[in-house]
Amino acid sequence: MGLVLSVVATLLNLVNPTVAIILIGVLLVCELLEAVVGFCVGCFVYAQFNG
């Protein structure tokens, strides 16, 4: 998912830099949220199994 968006952002950068910057910003936020959610879920599951 991230790779596809990165390629699209790179291509858009040649046509419309402003749109590309917004797209990259959205991509970074999504990646960050995904990492945070994954970390929280991992901690929760670990706590369940290790009481």
Protein backbone atom coordinates (compact mmCIF):
# COMPACT_ATOMS: atom_id res chain seq x y z
CA MET A 1 0.00 0.00 0.00
CA GLY A 2 2.70 2.45 1.04
CA LEU A 3 4.86 1.66 -1.98
CA VAL A 4 2.00 2.28 -4.42
CA LEU A 5 1.18 5.63 -2.80
CA SER A 6 4.87 6.60 -2.85
CA VAL A 7 5.08 5.89 -6.59
CA VAL A 8 1.87 7.84 -7.24
CA ALA A 9 3.18 10.74 -5.15
CA THR A 10 6.44 10.75 -7.11
CA LEU A 11 4.59 10.82 -10.44
CA LEU A 12 2.26 13.57 -9.19
CA ASN A 13 5.28 15.55 -8.02
CA LEU A 14 6.27 15.95 -11.68
CA VAL A 15 2.80 17.26 -12.54
CA ASN A 16 1.54 19.00 -9.40
CA PRO A 17 3.97 19.34 -6.45
CA THR A 18 1.29 20.70 -4.07
CA VAL A 19 -0.93 17.65 -4.46
CA ALA A 20 2.10 15.38 -4.02
CA ILE A 21 3.06 17.10 -0.75
CA ILE A 22 -0.48 16.66 0.61
CA LEU A 23 -0.49 13.00 -0.49
CA ILE A 24 2.87 12.34 1.19
CA GLY A 25 1.57 14.01 4.36
CA VAL A 26 -1.50 11.76 4.38
CA LEU A 27 0.71 8.73 3.71
CA LEU A 28 2.99 9.55 6.65
CA VAL A 29 0.02 10.05 9.00
CA CYS A 30 -1.49 6.72 7.90
CA GLU A 31 1.82 4.90 8.41
CA LEU A 32 2.19 6.45 11.87
CA LEU A 33 -1.37 5.52 12.90
CA GLU A 34 -0.84 1.99 11.61
CA ALA A 35 2.34 1.65 13.67
CA VAL A 36 0.68 3.03 16.82
CA VAL A 37 -2.38 0.78 16.47
CA GLY A 38 -0.16 -2.24 15.79
CA PHE A 39 1.93 -1.46 18.87
CA CYS A 40 -1.16 -1.05 21.09
CA VAL A 41 -2.72 -4.28 19.84
CA GLY A 42 0.59 -6.09 20.35
CA CYS A 43 0.85 -4.84 23.94
CA PHE A 44 -2.77 -5.79 24.65
CA VAL A 45 -2.35 -9.31 23.27
CA TYR A 46 0.94 -9.74 25.15
CA ALA A 47 -0.73 -8.64 28.41
CA GLN A 48 -3.59 -11.10 27.88
CA PHE A 49 -1.23 -14.05 27.47
CA ASN A 50 1.22 -13.01 30.16
CA GLY A 51 -1.26 -11.86 32.81
